[in-house]
Amino acid sequence: MAKSRQQKETEVAELKDYLASAKSIVFTTYQGLSVEKMQDLRRRLRKTGAALLAVKKALLKTAWPDAPQEVNPADLPGSMALAFGLEDEVSVAKILAVFQKETSEALKIQGGFLNKSFLGRARVMELASLPSKLELLAKTVYTIKAPITGFVNVLSGNLRGLVNALNAIKDTK
């Protein structure tokens, strides 16, 4: 059934909101995916604060008239879906890369945007291989904590030596 003009206008408005607020955008084709698989993918993305929209190419042109040269919706093959990373830049690419492997590549990553700069398919896959934001924060905290922990161990070594010497004196007397 064809969509009415009002439905298309609300879809374009929603798409404009997502395009304006997204930290990262990944373009995919989803031809050959079942509805159940698409719902599963949407659930996975929603858990990380992301969204997936199946978009008509004409509506994308309308919603994004000043799209960069790298993104010409007419050139992208097949049915198109956009995944928007609203909270974390990397999680969208990670989830889509894992899902692409699980579905025998029925879902194909075409490219994307990270902070308004275009990324090709290979760059999106590199982004997917990065550790998550939480892992990077944990590594940073560990790196900051390591010298302090070493210093505490060195200082406590002197106290341990003193306690061992006093115990040895006590044992001899």
Foldseek 3Di string as FASTA:
>chain_A
DDDDPVVLVVVLVVVLVLVVQFQKKWKKAQPPDDPVLVVVLQVQLVVQVKGKAFDDQVSVCVSCVPDDPVDRSVPDDHTMMMMGHRDFHLSNLQSQVVSCVVVVNSMPTAWMDHRRDTGGSVRSNVSNPDDGPVVVVVVVVCVVCVVVVVVVVVVVVVVVVVVVVVVVVVVVD
